[in-house]
C-alpha atoms as a PDB file:
ATOM      1  CA  MET A   1     -30.303 -36.361  62.078  1.00  0.00           C
ATOM      2  CA  THR A   2     -26.521 -36.098  62.405  1.00  0.00           C
ATOM      3  CA  ILE A   3     -23.955 -37.949  60.175  1.00  0.00           C
ATOM      4  CA  THR A   4     -20.230 -37.822  60.668  1.00  0.00           C
ATOM      5  CA  VAL A   5     -17.305 -38.623  58.486  1.00  0.00           C
ATOM      6  CA  LEU A   6     -14.347 -40.480  60.172  1.00  0.00           C
ATOM      7  CA  PRO A   7     -11.686 -40.841  61.153  1.00  0.00           C
ATOM      8  CA  GLU A   8     -11.001 -37.707  59.061  1.00  0.00           C
ATOM      9  CA  ALA A   9     -13.391 -35.509  57.466  1.00  0.00           C
ATOM     10  CA  GLN A  10     -12.094 -35.661  53.781  1.00  0.00           C
ATOM     11  CA  ALA A  11     -13.593 -32.993  51.558  1.00  0.00           C
ATOM     12  CA  PRO A  12     -14.924 -35.354  48.801  1.00  0.00           C
ATOM     13  CA  PHE A  13     -16.791 -37.324  51.131  1.00  0.00           C
ATOM     14  CA  VAL A  14     -18.059 -34.495  53.232  1.00  0.00           C
ATOM     15  CA  LYS A  15     -19.504 -33.039  49.954  1.00  0.00           C
ATOM     16  CA  ALA A  16     -21.045 -36.638  49.309  1.00  0.00           C
ATOM     17  CA  VAL A  17     -22.954 -36.393  52.512  1.00  0.00           C
ATOM     18  CA  ALA A  18     -24.273 -33.011  51.813  1.00  0.00           C
ATOM     19  CA  ALA A  19     -25.283 -34.277  48.266  1.00  0.00           C
ATOM     20  CA  GLY A  20     -27.379 -36.793  49.989  1.00  0.00           C
ATOM     21  CA  GLY A  21     -29.250 -34.123  51.809  1.00  0.00           C
ATOM     22  CA  VAL A  22     -27.658 -33.277  55.247  1.00  0.00           C
ATOM     23  CA  GLU A  23     -24.347 -31.461  56.248  1.00  0.00           C
ATOM     24  CA  ALA A  24     -21.775 -33.664  57.854  1.00  0.00           C
ATOM     25  CA  GLN A  25     -20.973 -32.762  61.598  1.00  0.00           C
ATOM     26  CA  PRO A  26     -18.190 -33.437  64.022  1.00  0.00           C
ATOM     27  CA  LEU A  27     -18.764 -36.656  66.220  1.00  0.00           C
ATOM     28  CA  SER A  28     -21.188 -35.919  69.136  1.00  0.00           C
ATOM     29  CA  ALA A  29     -23.823 -37.444  71.038  1.00  0.00           C
ATOM     30  CA  GLU A  30     -26.220 -36.537  68.305  1.00  0.00           C
ATOM     31  CA  THR A  31     -24.344 -38.782  65.667  1.00  0.00           C
ATOM     32  CA  GLU A  32     -26.519 -41.492  64.337  1.00  0.00           C
ATOM     33  CA  GLY A  33     -24.814 -42.174  61.038  1.00  0.00           C
ATOM     34  CA  VAL A  34     -21.022 -42.591  60.372  1.00  0.00           C
ATOM     35  CA  VAL A  35     -19.132 -42.734  56.993  1.00  0.00           C
ATOM     36  CA  TRP A  36     -15.996 -44.769  57.944  1.00  0.00           C
ATOM     37  CA  LEU A  37     -13.081 -44.126  55.586  1.00  0.00           C
ATOM     38  CA  ASP A  38     -10.080 -46.440  56.851  1.00  0.00           C
ATOM     39  CA  PRO A  39     -10.393 -49.970  55.618  1.00  0.00           C
ATOM     40  CA  LYS A  40      -8.129 -51.167  58.307  1.00  0.00           C
ATOM     41  CA  GLY A  41      -9.305 -49.166  61.170  1.00  0.00           C
ATOM     42  CA  ALA A  42     -11.640 -51.813  62.659  1.00  0.00           C
ATOM     43  CA  SER A  43     -10.504 -51.484  66.281  1.00  0.00           C
ATOM     44  CA  GLN A  44     -10.768 -47.713  66.062  1.00  0.00           C
ATOM     45  CA  LEU A  45     -14.383 -48.039  64.566  1.00  0.00           C
ATOM     46  CA  ALA A  46     -15.156 -50.248  67.229  1.00  0.00           C
ATOM     47  CA  GLU A  47     -14.061 -47.892  69.860  1.00  0.00           C
ATOM     48  CA  VAL A  48     -16.058 -45.155  68.252  1.00  0.00           C
ATOM     49  CA  LEU A  49     -19.360 -47.270  68.318  1.00  0.00           C
ATOM     50  CA  ASP A  50     -18.712 -48.504  71.777  1.00  0.00           C
ATOM     51  CA  ALA A  51     -18.594 -44.862  72.897  1.00  0.00           C
ATOM     52  CA  ASN A  52     -21.636 -43.745  70.796  1.00  0.00           C
ATOM     53  CA  PRO A  53     -24.556 -46.388  71.178  1.00  0.00           C
ATOM     54  CA  GLN A  54     -26.851 -43.851  69.482  1.00  0.00           C
ATOM     55  CA  VAL A  55     -25.243 -44.691  66.032  1.00  0.00           C
ATOM     56  CA  ARG A  56     -27.740 -46.704  63.829  1.00  0.00           C
ATOM     57  CA  TRP A  57     -25.903 -46.749  60.465  1.00  0.00           C
ATOM     58  CA  VAL A  58     -22.057 -47.162  59.251  1.00  0.00           C
ATOM     59  CA  GLN A  59     -20.883 -46.808  55.772  1.00  0.00           C
ATOM     60  CA  LEU A  60     -17.659 -48.685  55.254  1.00  0.00           C
ATOM     61  CA  PRO A  61     -15.295 -47.666  52.462  1.00  0.00           C
ATOM     62  CA  PHE A  62     -14.659 -50.968  50.218  1.00  0.00           C
ATOM     63  CA  ALA A  63     -16.410 -53.934  49.129  1.00  0.00           C
ATOM     64  CA  GLY A  64     -14.161 -56.344  51.266  1.00  0.00           C
ATOM     65  CA  VAL A  65     -15.384 -56.237  54.912  1.00  0.00           C
ATOM     66  CA  ASP A  66     -13.541 -59.242  56.420  1.00  0.00           C
ATOM     67  CA  ALA A  67     -11.446 -56.798  58.703  1.00  0.00           C
ATOM     68  CA  PHE A  68     -14.651 -55.604  60.403  1.00  0.00           C
ATOM     69  CA  THR A  69     -16.244 -59.240  61.362  1.00  0.00           C
ATOM     70  CA  ASP A  70     -15.591 -58.560  65.111  1.00  0.00           C
ATOM     71  CA  VAL A  71     -17.172 -54.996  64.823  1.00  0.00           C
ATOM     72  CA  PHE A  72     -20.336 -56.705  63.333  1.00  0.00           C
ATOM     73  CA  THR A  73     -20.395 -59.148  66.317  1.00  0.00           C
ATOM     74  CA  ARG A  74     -20.068 -56.434  68.806  1.00  0.00           C
ATOM     75  CA  HIS A  75     -22.800 -54.163  67.277  1.00  0.00           C
ATOM     76  CA  SER A  76     -25.282 -56.446  65.701  1.00  0.00           C
ATOM     77  CA  SER A  77     -27.961 -53.872  65.788  1.00  0.00           C
ATOM     78  CA  ILE A  78     -26.264 -51.443  63.565  1.00  0.00           C
ATOM     79  CA  THR A  79     -26.804 -51.544  59.828  1.00  0.00           C
ATOM     80  CA  PHE A  80     -23.492 -51.558  57.820  1.00  0.00           C
ATOM     81  CA  THR A  81     -23.277 -50.928  54.244  1.00  0.00           C
ATOM     82  CA  SER A  82     -20.206 -51.389  52.228  1.00  0.00           C
ATOM     83  CA  ALA A  83     -19.083 -50.317  48.724  1.00  0.00           C
ATOM     84  CA  LYS A  84     -19.901 -53.640  47.108  1.00  0.00           C
ATOM     85  CA  GLY A  85     -20.890 -53.008  43.573  1.00  0.00           C
ATOM     86  CA  ALA A  86     -19.479 -49.654  43.389  1.00  0.00           C
ATOM     87  CA  TYR A  87     -15.984 -50.703  42.130  1.00  0.00           C
ATOM     88  CA  ASP A  88     -16.829 -53.693  39.791  1.00  0.00           C
ATOM     89  CA  GLU A  89     -15.415 -52.127  36.590  1.00  0.00           C
ATOM     90  CA  PRO A  90     -12.037 -50.977  37.686  1.00  0.00           C
ATOM     91  CA  VAL A  91     -11.479 -54.246  39.609  1.00  0.00           C
ATOM     92  CA  ALA A  92     -12.810 -56.418  36.653  1.00  0.00           C
ATOM     93  CA  GLU A  93     -10.688 -54.425  34.266  1.00  0.00           C
ATOM     94  CA  HIS A  94      -7.528 -55.259  36.551  1.00  0.00           C
ATOM     95  CA  ALA A  95      -8.292 -59.013  36.807  1.00  0.00           C
ATOM     96  CA  LEU A  96      -8.591 -59.224  32.839  1.00  0.00           C
ATOM     97  CA  ALA A  97      -5.303 -57.319  32.649  1.00  0.00           C
ATOM     98  CA  LEU A  98      -3.711 -59.781  35.098  1.00  0.00           C
ATOM     99  CA  THR A  99      -5.128 -62.674  33.155  1.00  0.00           C
ATOM    100  CA  LEU A 100      -3.767 -61.757  29.828  1.00  0.00           C
ATOM    101  CA  ALA A 101      -0.400 -60.645  31.245  1.00  0.00           C
ATOM    102  CA  ALA A 102       0.000 -64.111  32.954  1.00  0.00           C
ATOM    103  CA  LEU A 103      -1.095 -65.995  29.847  1.00  0.00           C
ATOM    104  CA  ARG A 104       1.407 -64.072  27.639  1.00  0.00           C
ATOM    105  CA  ASP A 105       4.177 -64.361  30.043  1.00  0.00           C
ATOM    106  CA  PHE A 106       4.638 -60.495  30.346  1.00  0.00           C
ATOM    107  CA  GLY A 107       6.016 -60.819  33.853  1.00  0.00           C
ATOM    108  CA  PRO A 108       9.269 -62.586  32.727  1.00  0.00           C
ATOM    109  CA  TYR A 109       9.408 -60.658  29.469  1.00  0.00           C
ATOM    110  CA  SER A 110       9.269 -57.392  31.242  1.00  0.00           C
ATOM    111  CA  ARG A 111      12.473 -58.338  33.484  1.00  0.00           C
ATOM    112  CA  ARG A 112      14.618 -59.522  30.591  1.00  0.00           C
ATOM    113  CA  THR A 113      17.392 -57.408  29.170  1.00  0.00           C
ATOM    114  CA  SER A 114      18.045 -59.524  26.029  1.00  0.00           C
ATOM    115  CA  TRP A 115      15.976 -61.181  23.340  1.00  0.00           C
ATOM    116  CA  SER A 116      14.251 -64.471  24.253  1.00  0.00           C
ATOM    117  CA  ASP A 117      12.470 -67.476  23.184  1.00  0.00           C
ATOM    118  CA  GLN A 118       8.856 -67.264  22.463  1.00  0.00           C
ATOM    119  CA  ALA A 119       6.135 -68.028  24.995  1.00  0.00           C
ATOM    120  CA  GLY A 120       2.578 -67.152  25.818  1.00  0.00           C
ATOM    121  CA  ARG A 121      -0.873 -68.375  25.246  1.00  0.00           C
ATOM    122  CA  SER A 122      -4.190 -66.869  23.820  1.00  0.00           C
ATOM    123  CA  LEU A 123      -7.173 -66.473  26.193  1.00  0.00           C
ATOM    124  CA  TYR A 124      -9.558 -67.100  23.168  1.00  0.00           C
ATOM    125  CA  ASP A 125     -11.565 -70.215  23.902  1.00  0.00           C
ATOM    126  CA  LEU A 126     -10.104 -71.247  27.111  1.00  0.00           C
ATOM    127  CA  ARG A 127     -11.873 -72.750  30.038  1.00  0.00           C
ATOM    128  CA  VAL A 128     -12.111 -70.167  32.769  1.00  0.00           C
ATOM    129  CA  ALA A 129     -13.391 -70.334  36.456  1.00  0.00           C
ATOM    130  CA  VAL A 130     -14.574 -67.197  38.057  1.00  0.00           C
ATOM    131  CA  VAL A 131     -14.772 -67.463  41.748  1.00  0.00           C
ATOM    132  CA  GLY A 132     -17.554 -65.314  43.096  1.00  0.00           C
ATOM    133  CA  ALA A 133     -20.702 -64.039  41.563  1.00  0.00           C
ATOM    134  CA  GLY A 134     -20.947 -60.444  43.058  1.00  0.00           C
ATOM    135  CA  GLY A 135     -20.739 -57.392  41.073  1.00  0.00           C
ATOM    136  CA  ILE A 136     -16.942 -57.911  40.271  1.00  0.00           C
ATOM    137  CA  GLY A 137     -17.410 -61.529  39.296  1.00  0.00           C
ATOM    138  CA  ARG A 138     -20.210 -60.924  36.976  1.00  0.00           C
ATOM    139  CA  GLU A 139     -18.276 -57.833  35.455  1.00  0.00           C
ATOM    140  CA  ILE A 140     -15.392 -60.188  34.887  1.00  0.00           C
ATOM    141  CA  VAL A 141     -17.870 -62.623  33.136  1.00  0.00           C
ATOM    142  CA  ARG A 142     -18.978 -59.789  30.781  1.00  0.00           C
ATOM    143  CA  LEU A 143     -15.403 -58.698  30.065  1.00  0.00           C
ATOM    144  CA  LEU A 144     -14.610 -62.317  28.897  1.00  0.00           C
ATOM    145  CA  GLN A 145     -17.382 -62.595  26.336  1.00  0.00           C
ATOM    146  CA  PRO A 146     -15.414 -61.395  23.461  1.00  0.00           C
ATOM    147  CA  PHE A 147     -12.775 -64.126  24.094  1.00  0.00           C
ATOM    148  CA  ARG A 148     -15.418 -66.828  23.575  1.00  0.00           C
ATOM    149  CA  ALA A 149     -14.179 -68.138  27.069  1.00  0.00           C
ATOM    150  CA  LYS A 150     -16.143 -71.261  28.403  1.00  0.00           C
ATOM    151  CA  ILE A 151     -17.062 -69.923  31.729  1.00  0.00           C
ATOM    152  CA  THR A 152     -17.778 -71.649  35.024  1.00  0.00           C
ATOM    153  CA  VAL A 153     -18.846 -69.370  38.051  1.00  0.00           C
ATOM    154  CA  VAL A 154     -18.386 -70.717  41.513  1.00  0.00           C
ATOM    155  CA  ARG A 155     -20.960 -69.297  44.011  1.00  0.00           C
ATOM    156  CA  ARG A 156     -22.826 -70.486  46.956  1.00  0.00           C
ATOM    157  CA  ARG A 157     -26.261 -70.235  45.703  1.00  0.00           C
ATOM    158  CA  GLN A 158     -26.773 -72.166  42.450  1.00  0.00           C
ATOM    159  CA  GLN A 159     -28.472 -69.582  40.511  1.00  0.00           C
ATOM    160  CA  PRO A 160     -27.566 -68.914  36.628  1.00  0.00           C
ATOM    161  CA  VAL A 161     -25.095 -66.124  35.898  1.00  0.00           C
ATOM    162  CA  GLU A 162     -25.542 -64.544  32.562  1.00  0.00           C
ATOM    163  CA  GLY A 163     -22.774 -65.390  30.397  1.00  0.00           C
ATOM    164  CA  ALA A 164     -21.568 -68.451  32.215  1.00  0.00           C
ATOM    165  CA  GLU A 165     -22.109 -71.910  30.836  1.00  0.00           C
ATOM    166  CA  ARG A 166     -22.569 -73.378  34.317  1.00  0.00           C
ATOM    167  CA  VAL A 167     -22.615 -72.401  38.002  1.00  0.00           C
ATOM    168  CA  VAL A 168     -21.011 -74.795  40.830  1.00  0.00           C
ATOM    169  CA  ASP A 169     -20.521 -74.571  44.470  1.00  0.00           C
ATOM    170  CA  ASP A 170     -17.061 -74.649  46.100  1.00  0.00           C
ATOM    171  CA  GLN A 171     -16.866 -78.342  46.693  1.00  0.00           C
ATOM    172  CA  THR A 172     -17.877 -79.073  43.046  1.00  0.00           C
ATOM    173  CA  PHE A 173     -15.337 -76.657  41.900  1.00  0.00           C
ATOM    174  CA  ARG A 174     -12.389 -78.441  43.868  1.00  0.00           C
ATOM    175  CA  SER A 175     -13.542 -81.629  41.998  1.00  0.00           C
ATOM    176  CA  LEU A 176     -13.242 -79.720  38.729  1.00  0.00           C
ATOM    177  CA  VAL A 177      -9.930 -77.806  39.031  1.00  0.00           C
ATOM    178  CA  ALA A 178      -8.100 -79.992  36.508  1.00  0.00           C
ATOM    179  CA  GLU A 179     -10.510 -78.902  33.848  1.00  0.00           C
ATOM    180  CA  PHE A 180      -9.529 -75.081  33.896  1.00  0.00           C
ATOM    181  CA  ASP A 181      -7.163 -73.204  32.054  1.00  0.00           C
ATOM    182  CA  VAL A 182      -7.672 -69.994  34.071  1.00  0.00           C
ATOM    183  CA  ILE A 183      -8.915 -69.438  37.538  1.00  0.00           C
ATOM    184  CA  ILE A 184      -9.862 -65.901  38.658  1.00  0.00           C
ATOM    185  CA  LEU A 185     -10.532 -65.237  42.353  1.00  0.00           C
ATOM    186  CA  ALA A 186     -13.205 -62.429  42.900  1.00  0.00           C
ATOM    187  CA  ALA A 187     -15.044 -63.887  46.055  1.00  0.00           C
ATOM    188  CA  ALA A 188     -15.259 -62.472  49.600  1.00  0.00           C
ATOM    189  CA  LEU A 189     -12.931 -63.900  52.189  1.00  0.00           C
ATOM    190  CA  THR A 190     -14.794 -66.341  54.286  1.00  0.00           C
ATOM    191  CA  ALA A 191     -13.978 -69.518  56.198  1.00  0.00           C
ATOM    192  CA  GLY A 192     -15.126 -71.333  52.866  1.00  0.00           C
ATOM    193  CA  THR A 193     -12.724 -69.520  50.615  1.00  0.00           C
ATOM    194  CA  LYS A 194      -9.632 -69.272  52.804  1.00  0.00           C
ATOM    195  CA  HIS A 195      -6.773 -71.288  50.974  1.00  0.00           C
ATOM    196  CA  LEU A 196      -9.219 -72.375  48.213  1.00  0.00           C
ATOM    197  CA  LEU A 197      -6.178 -72.809  46.252  1.00  0.00           C
ATOM    198  CA  GLY A 198      -3.480 -74.633  47.660  1.00  0.00           C
ATOM    199  CA  ALA A 199      -0.797 -77.334  47.024  1.00  0.00           C
ATOM    200  CA  GLU A 200      -3.544 -79.872  46.189  1.00  0.00           C
ATOM    201  CA  GLU A 201      -5.259 -77.706  43.772  1.00  0.00           C
ATOM    202  CA  PHE A 202      -2.200 -76.547  41.966  1.00  0.00           C
ATOM    203  CA  LYS A 203      -0.988 -80.119  41.414  1.00  0.00           C
ATOM    204  CA  ALA A 204      -4.323 -80.886  39.880  1.00  0.00           C
ATOM    205  CA  LEU A 205      -4.252 -77.873  37.441  1.00  0.00           C
ATOM    206  CA  PRO A 206      -3.019 -78.170  33.902  1.00  0.00           C
ATOM    207  CA  ASN A 207       0.572 -77.288  33.973  1.00  0.00           C
ATOM    208  CA  ASP A 208      -0.046 -74.587  31.379  1.00  0.00           C
ATOM    209  CA  ALA A 209      -2.944 -72.996  33.663  1.00  0.00           C
ATOM    210  CA  VAL A 210      -2.737 -69.558  35.091  1.00  0.00           C
ATOM    211  CA  VAL A 211      -4.372 -68.400  38.322  1.00  0.00           C
ATOM    212  CA  VAL A 212      -5.371 -64.622  39.070  1.00  0.00           C
ATOM    213  CA  ASN A 213      -6.586 -63.226  42.598  1.00  0.00           C
ATOM    214  CA  ILE A 214      -8.112 -59.788  42.910  1.00  0.00           C
ATOM    215  CA  ALA A 215     -10.031 -60.574  45.926  1.00  0.00           C
ATOM    216  CA  ARG A 216      -8.180 -61.388  49.143  1.00  0.00           C
ATOM    217  CA  GLY A 217      -4.743 -62.724  49.661  1.00  0.00           C
ATOM    218  CA  PRO A 218      -5.588 -65.718  52.102  1.00  0.00           C
ATOM    219  CA  GLN A 219      -7.762 -67.260  49.342  1.00  0.00           C
ATOM    220  CA  ILE A 220      -4.195 -68.596  48.033  1.00  0.00           C
ATOM    221  CA  ASP A 221      -1.690 -70.476  49.992  1.00  0.00           C
ATOM    222  CA  THR A 222       1.149 -68.149  49.021  1.00  0.00           C
ATOM    223  CA  ASP A 223       3.938 -70.591  49.740  1.00  0.00           C
ATOM    224  CA  ALA A 224       2.174 -73.340  47.742  1.00  0.00           C
ATOM    225  CA  LEU A 225       1.547 -70.911  44.886  1.00  0.00           C
ATOM    226  CA  ALA A 226       5.384 -70.149  44.884  1.00  0.00           C
ATOM    227  CA  GLU A 227       6.321 -73.687  44.938  1.00  0.00           C
ATOM    228  CA  ALA A 228       3.933 -74.600  42.185  1.00  0.00           C
ATOM    229  CA  ILE A 229       5.220 -71.883  39.879  1.00  0.00           C
ATOM    230  CA  ALA A 230       8.878 -72.788  40.676  1.00  0.00           C
ATOM    231  CA  GLN A 231       8.265 -76.533  39.963  1.00  0.00           C
ATOM    232  CA  GLY A 232       6.314 -75.904  36.811  1.00  0.00           C
ATOM    233  CA  GLU A 233       2.917 -77.431  38.314  1.00  0.00           C
ATOM    234  CA  ILE A 234       1.227 -74.276  36.715  1.00  0.00           C
ATOM    235  CA  ALA A 235       2.278 -71.836  34.139  1.00  0.00           C
ATOM    236  CA  GLY A 236       1.906 -68.519  35.890  1.00  0.00           C
ATOM    237  CA  ALA A 237      -0.147 -66.150  38.260  1.00  0.00           C
ATOM    238  CA  GLY A 238      -1.167 -62.568  38.443  1.00  0.00           C
ATOM    239  CA  VAL A 239      -2.022 -61.487  42.028  1.00  0.00           C
ATOM    240  CA  ASP A 240      -3.075 -57.932  43.275  1.00  0.00           C
ATOM    241  CA  VAL A 241      -3.569 -59.259  46.772  1.00  0.00           C
ATOM    242  CA  THR A 242      -1.065 -61.546  48.875  1.00  0.00           C
ATOM    243  CA  ASP A 243      -0.907 -63.234  52.066  1.00  0.00           C
ATOM    244  CA  PRO A 244       0.989 -61.848  54.041  1.00  0.00           C
ATOM    245  CA  GLU A 245       0.462 -58.374  52.823  1.00  0.00           C
ATOM    246  CA  PRO A 246       2.341 -56.311  51.836  1.00  0.00           C
ATOM    247  CA  LEU A 247       4.584 -59.368  50.477  1.00  0.00           C
ATOM    248  CA  PRO A 248       7.829 -59.210  52.385  1.00  0.00           C
ATOM    249  CA  ASP A 249      11.154 -58.356  50.395  1.00  0.00           C
ATOM    250  CA  GLY A 250      12.776 -61.631  49.517  1.00  0.00           C
ATOM    251  CA  HIS A 251       9.733 -63.837  49.555  1.00  0.00           C
ATOM    252  CA  PRO A 252      10.139 -66.532  47.023  1.00  0.00           C
ATOM    253  CA  LEU A 253       7.014 -65.512  45.146  1.00  0.00           C
ATOM    254  CA  TRP A 254       8.982 -62.423  43.893  1.00  0.00           C
ATOM    255  CA  THR A 255      11.188 -64.481  41.903  1.00  0.00           C
ATOM    256  CA  ALA A 256       9.236 -67.633  41.327  1.00  0.00           C
ATOM    257  CA  GLY A 257       8.923 -67.270  37.530  1.00  0.00           C
ATOM    258  CA  ASN A 258       5.900 -66.039  35.641  1.00  0.00           C
ATOM    259  CA  VAL A 259       4.195 -64.154  38.203  1.00  0.00           C
ATOM    260  CA  ILE A 260       3.005 -60.399  38.064  1.00  0.00           C
ATOM    261  CA  ILE A 261       2.399 -58.863  41.487  1.00  0.00           C
ATOM    262  CA  THR A 262       0.524 -55.455  41.762  1.00  0.00           C
ATOM    263  CA  PRO A 263       0.356 -53.774  45.268  1.00  0.00           C
ATOM    264  CA  HIS A 264      -3.472 -53.914  45.798  1.00  0.00           C
ATOM    265  CA  THR A 265      -4.113 -51.547  42.982  1.00  0.00           C
ATOM    266  CA  ALA A 266      -7.034 -53.077  41.302  1.00  0.00           C
ATOM    267  CA  ASN A 267      -9.169 -50.063  42.745  1.00  0.00           C
ATOM    268  CA  THR A 268      -6.865 -47.185  44.009  1.00  0.00           C
ATOM    269  CA  TRP A 269      -8.012 -44.600  46.255  1.00  0.00           C
ATOM    270  CA  ALA A 270      -8.169 -42.052  43.330  1.00  0.00           C
ATOM    271  CA  MET A 271     -10.408 -44.390  41.383  1.00  0.00           C
ATOM    272  CA  ALA A 272     -12.669 -45.034  44.472  1.00  0.00           C
ATOM    273  CA  GLN A 273     -13.509 -41.541  45.097  1.00  0.00           C
ATOM    274  CA  LYS A 274     -16.222 -40.860  42.634  1.00  0.00           C
ATOM    275  CA  PRO A 275     -17.997 -44.276  42.870  1.00  0.00           C
ATOM    276  CA  LEU A 276     -17.724 -44.239  46.786  1.00  0.00           C
ATOM    277  CA  SER A 277     -19.032 -40.609  46.731  1.00  0.00           C
ATOM    278  CA  ALA A 278     -22.100 -41.761  44.872  1.00  0.00           C
ATOM    279  CA  ARG A 279     -22.500 -44.727  47.264  1.00  0.00           C
ATOM    280  CA  ILE A 280     -22.504 -42.367  50.347  1.00  0.00           C
ATOM    281  CA  SER A 281     -24.877 -39.952  48.933  1.00  0.00           C
ATOM    282  CA  HIS A 282     -27.375 -42.615  47.917  1.00  0.00           C
ATOM    283  CA  ASN A 283     -27.099 -44.306  51.323  1.00  0.00           C
ATOM    284  CA  VAL A 284     -27.374 -40.890  53.085  1.00  0.00           C
ATOM    285  CA  ARG A 285     -30.713 -40.604  51.378  1.00  0.00           C
ATOM    286  CA  ALA A 286     -31.866 -43.937  52.486  1.00  0.00           C
ATOM    287  CA  PHE A 287     -30.730 -43.273  56.004  1.00  0.00           C
ATOM    288  CA  LEU A 288     -32.932 -40.022  56.088  1.00  0.00           C
ATOM    289  CA  GLY A 289     -35.883 -42.021  54.818  1.00  0.00           C
ATOM    290  CA  GLU A 290     -36.117 -40.179  51.394  1.00  0.00           C
ATOM    291  CA  SER A 291     -38.295 -41.473  48.620  1.00  0.00           C
ATOM    292  CA  ASP A 292     -37.765 -41.834  44.763  1.00  0.00           C
ATOM    293  CA  GLY A 293     -40.714 -41.904  42.614  1.00  0.00           C
ATOM    294  CA  GLY A 294     -42.972 -42.790  45.420  1.00  0.00           C
ATOM    295  CA  SER A 295     -40.844 -45.487  46.690  1.00  0.00           C
ATOM    296  CA  ALA A 296     -38.489 -45.473  49.646  1.00  0.00           C
ATOM    297  CA  VAL A 297     -34.830 -45.261  48.777  1.00  0.00           C
ATOM    298  CA  GLU A 298     -33.271 -48.550  49.892  1.00  0.00           C
ATOM    299  CA  PHE A 299     -29.865 -48.947  51.232  1.00  0.00           C
ATOM    300  CA  ALA A 300     -27.166 -50.105  48.615  1.00  0.00           C
ATOM    301  CA  GLY A 301     -24.426 -52.570  49.691  1.00  0.00           C
ATOM    302  CA  VAL A 302     -25.991 -53.855  52.984  1.00  0.00           C
ATOM    303  CA  VAL A 303     -23.464 -56.138  54.738  1.00  0.00           C
ATOM    304  CA  ASP A 304     -24.745 -59.681  55.518  1.00  0.00           C
ATOM    305  CA  LYS A 305     -23.041 -60.002  58.836  1.00  0.00           C
ATOM    306  CA  GLN A 306     -23.474 -63.802  59.089  1.00  0.00           C
ATOM    307  CA  ALA A 307     -21.939 -64.254  55.386  1.00  0.00           C
ATOM    308  CA  GLY A 308     -19.466 -61.781  56.021  1.00  0.00           C
ATOM    309  CA  TYR A 309     -19.906 -59.723  52.891  1.00  0.00           C
END
């Protein structure tokens, strides 16, 4: 059974395939498994799969797979696995850092060249909405526990989440927006989460609220966010993702006020190598049909093609 690492056979991930039980080989008519390392190379991956109908499994490099929706449609018989769950800790850590920085006005303070008036707010006991209950969302909830935050989790399925006071769906969330001091976006990008926060939601939020996005840029209406901060409708924001991305030079969000923008670094490639390698090795074992303690090794991070994550 042949597995190929594409579009470039990077050494750490070739080793990860070998750790799973088989040596990676160049792409050929024998290739049945593909480890795909380019998060933006959906069209290139589609070409590879079109030319190699024998491929049965594809491992994608990150948790977000919205760029590959068309590939899923064209190759519905293939099992796709992502890295969802592999990067929970570094991304949740970044979300907490942005939350604290936005609440404490670190953005404006860091740009000043002279002493200024006091500003900022404590996270302790605030009302926080965490949108998304995947591994990252649950890890954010865990990190918020020492701050005694009153947490609402927003998810499709109304199942309890440990550490959250309540769980609501996205429609209920929209009706409750005025209740939150902090909103942290940690959900997959779907039709239901696109522009989840726009002009209407920013107007409804308390004017001392902050929003944080470590998910996908289009979940926030970027122009509406810049306007909301400029007009004082909310107190600030921390965003690791934007729409468009990269955020163009001169965009109003750069100078809107208390905004901290990081260039999609909640999980860098350097941070990703170790957990992605572990995910690859595990899924190679699953692909090979290995067992662990008498039970078959199951694929981790299987993509739900209909749900889009």
